[in-house]
């Protein structure tokens, strides 16, 4: 997930989402934060997810190469990151 510039949800909503097992238990998710606010909310969700599930499979990064490395995809041939039109954000 990248391109997010803000999150319109409360801390309690973020905690609830983070506690849910929305993906397969062994899958990893990387959030690429565009600013400190998104990074902070993502880290809070990361911690609550780990506490609720006992798994550390959500991480937050500021850069795509670090996220890809953590996902084990640093050598994969992936499409370039694209910007969403501002009307879709």
C-alpha atoms as a PDB file:
ATOM      1  CA  UNK A   1       0.000   0.000   0.000  1.00  0.00           C
ATOM      2  CA  UNK A   2       1.422   3.363  -0.969  1.00  0.00           C
ATOM      3  CA  UNK A   3       0.148   6.730  -2.096  1.00  0.00           C
ATOM      4  CA  UNK A   4      -1.915   7.254   1.063  1.00  0.00           C
ATOM      5  CA  UNK A   5      -1.557  10.831   2.264  1.00  0.00           C
ATOM      6  CA  UNK A   6      -4.088  10.752   5.104  1.00  0.00           C
ATOM      7  CA  UNK A   7      -6.292   8.343   7.024  1.00  0.00           C
ATOM      8  CA  UNK A   8      -9.775   9.441   8.013  1.00  0.00           C
ATOM      9  CA  UNK A   9     -10.363   7.134  10.974  1.00  0.00           C
ATOM     10  CA  UNK A  10     -10.210   7.335  14.713  1.00  0.00           C
ATOM     11  CA  UNK A  11      -7.613   5.603  16.852  1.00  0.00           C
ATOM     12  CA  UNK A  12     -10.267   3.133  18.047  1.00  0.00           C
ATOM     13  CA  UNK A  13     -11.284   2.355  14.451  1.00  0.00           C
ATOM     14  CA  UNK A  14      -7.625   1.797  13.532  1.00  0.00           C
ATOM     15  CA  UNK A  15      -7.183  -0.570  16.496  1.00  0.00           C
ATOM     16  CA  UNK A  16     -10.292  -2.533  15.489  1.00  0.00           C
ATOM     17  CA  UNK A  17      -9.086  -2.891  11.912  1.00  0.00           C
ATOM     18  CA  UNK A  18      -5.608  -3.892  13.069  1.00  0.00           C
ATOM     19  CA  UNK A  19      -6.949  -6.678  15.304  1.00  0.00           C
ATOM     20  CA  UNK A  20      -8.866  -8.323  12.462  1.00  0.00           C
ATOM     21  CA  UNK A  21      -7.341 -11.158  10.494  1.00  0.00           C
ATOM     22  CA  UNK A  22      -8.255  -9.906   7.027  1.00  0.00           C
ATOM     23  CA  UNK A  23      -5.474 -11.782   5.240  1.00  0.00           C
ATOM     24  CA  UNK A  24      -4.021 -15.264   5.358  1.00  0.00           C
ATOM     25  CA  UNK A  25      -2.045 -15.641   8.621  1.00  0.00           C
ATOM     26  CA  UNK A  26       1.250 -16.197   6.795  1.00  0.00           C
ATOM     27  CA  UNK A  27       0.911 -13.265   4.366  1.00  0.00           C
ATOM     28  CA  UNK A  28       2.960 -10.123   4.894  1.00  0.00           C
ATOM     29  CA  UNK A  29       1.768  -6.591   4.257  1.00  0.00           C
ATOM     30  CA  UNK A  30       3.917  -3.523   3.839  1.00  0.00           C
ATOM     31  CA  UNK A  31       2.648   0.021   4.148  1.00  0.00           C
ATOM     32  CA  UNK A  32       4.752   2.714   2.495  1.00  0.00           C
ATOM     33  CA  UNK A  33       4.025   5.930   4.355  1.00  0.00           C
ATOM     34  CA  UNK A  34       4.181   9.250   2.552  1.00  0.00           C
ATOM     35  CA  UNK A  35       4.337  11.371   5.723  1.00  0.00           C
ATOM     36  CA  UNK A  36       4.828  11.079   9.488  1.00  0.00           C
ATOM     37  CA  UNK A  37       1.075  11.025  10.219  1.00  0.00           C
ATOM     38  CA  UNK A  38       0.469   8.009   7.995  1.00  0.00           C
ATOM     39  CA  UNK A  39       3.631   6.351   9.341  1.00  0.00           C
ATOM     40  CA  UNK A  40       2.476   6.838  12.946  1.00  0.00           C
ATOM     41  CA  UNK A  41      -1.018   5.475  12.316  1.00  0.00           C
ATOM     42  CA  UNK A  42       0.458   2.535  10.410  1.00  0.00           C
ATOM     43  CA  UNK A  43       2.882   1.749  13.247  1.00  0.00           C
ATOM     44  CA  UNK A  44       0.059   1.860  15.773  1.00  0.00           C
ATOM     45  CA  UNK A  45      -1.908  -0.590  13.634  1.00  0.00           C
ATOM     46  CA  UNK A  46       1.231  -2.737  13.275  1.00  0.00           C
ATOM     47  CA  UNK A  47       1.633  -2.978  17.060  1.00  0.00           C
ATOM     48  CA  UNK A  48      -2.048  -3.713  17.715  1.00  0.00           C
ATOM     49  CA  UNK A  49      -2.081  -6.352  15.000  1.00  0.00           C
ATOM     50  CA  UNK A  50       0.969  -8.064  16.513  1.00  0.00           C
ATOM     51  CA  UNK A  51      -0.537  -7.962  20.019  1.00  0.00           C
ATOM     52  CA  UNK A  52      -3.883  -9.376  18.826  1.00  0.00           C
ATOM     53  CA  UNK A  53      -2.523 -12.106  16.555  1.00  0.00           C
ATOM     54  CA  UNK A  54       0.930 -12.873  17.917  1.00  0.00           C
ATOM     55  CA  UNK A  55       2.290 -12.367  14.391  1.00  0.00           C
ATOM     56  CA  UNK A  56       4.554  -9.647  13.048  1.00  0.00           C
ATOM     57  CA  UNK A  57       3.324  -9.609   9.448  1.00  0.00           C
ATOM     58  CA  UNK A  58       2.490  -5.939   8.997  1.00  0.00           C
ATOM     59  CA  UNK A  59       5.283  -3.356   8.766  1.00  0.00           C
ATOM     60  CA  UNK A  60       5.441   0.321   7.882  1.00  0.00           C
ATOM     61  CA  UNK A  61       8.199   1.897   5.791  1.00  0.00           C
ATOM     62  CA  UNK A  62       9.031   5.287   4.334  1.00  0.00           C
ATOM     63  CA  UNK A  63      10.577   3.836   1.165  1.00  0.00           C
ATOM     64  CA  UNK A  64       9.649   1.171  -1.359  1.00  0.00           C
ATOM     65  CA  UNK A  65      13.053  -0.614  -1.503  1.00  0.00           C
ATOM     66  CA  UNK A  66      12.963  -1.332   2.245  1.00  0.00           C
ATOM     67  CA  UNK A  67       9.373  -2.576   2.009  1.00  0.00           C
ATOM     68  CA  UNK A  68      10.218  -4.846  -0.915  1.00  0.00           C
ATOM     69  CA  UNK A  69      13.252  -6.202   0.920  1.00  0.00           C
ATOM     70  CA  UNK A  70      11.140  -7.054   3.988  1.00  0.00           C
ATOM     71  CA  UNK A  71       8.587  -8.749   1.731  1.00  0.00           C
ATOM     72  CA  UNK A  72      11.387 -10.753   0.102  1.00  0.00           C
ATOM     73  CA  UNK A  73      10.692  -9.112  -3.265  1.00  0.00           C
ATOM     74  CA  UNK A  74      13.763  -6.915  -3.660  1.00  0.00           C
ATOM     75  CA  UNK A  75      14.824  -8.816  -6.799  1.00  0.00           C
ATOM     76  CA  UNK A  76      11.348  -9.305  -8.243  1.00  0.00           C
ATOM     77  CA  UNK A  77      10.347  -7.647 -11.489  1.00  0.00           C
ATOM     78  CA  UNK A  78       7.507  -5.422 -10.335  1.00  0.00           C
ATOM     79  CA  UNK A  79       5.744  -2.607 -12.150  1.00  0.00           C
ATOM     80  CA  UNK A  80       6.902   0.863 -11.241  1.00  0.00           C
ATOM     81  CA  UNK A  81       4.973   2.643  -8.554  1.00  0.00           C
ATOM     82  CA  UNK A  82       2.355   4.937 -10.067  1.00  0.00           C
ATOM     83  CA  UNK A  83       0.772   8.058  -8.674  1.00  0.00           C
ATOM     84  CA  UNK A  84      -2.990   8.136  -8.294  1.00  0.00           C
ATOM     85  CA  UNK A  85      -4.729  11.140  -9.818  1.00  0.00           C
ATOM     86  CA  UNK A  86      -5.437  13.683  -7.078  1.00  0.00           C
ATOM     87  CA  UNK A  87      -9.209  13.267  -7.585  1.00  0.00           C
ATOM     88  CA  UNK A  88      -8.935   9.578  -6.544  1.00  0.00           C
ATOM     89  CA  UNK A  89      -7.170  10.227  -3.197  1.00  0.00           C
END
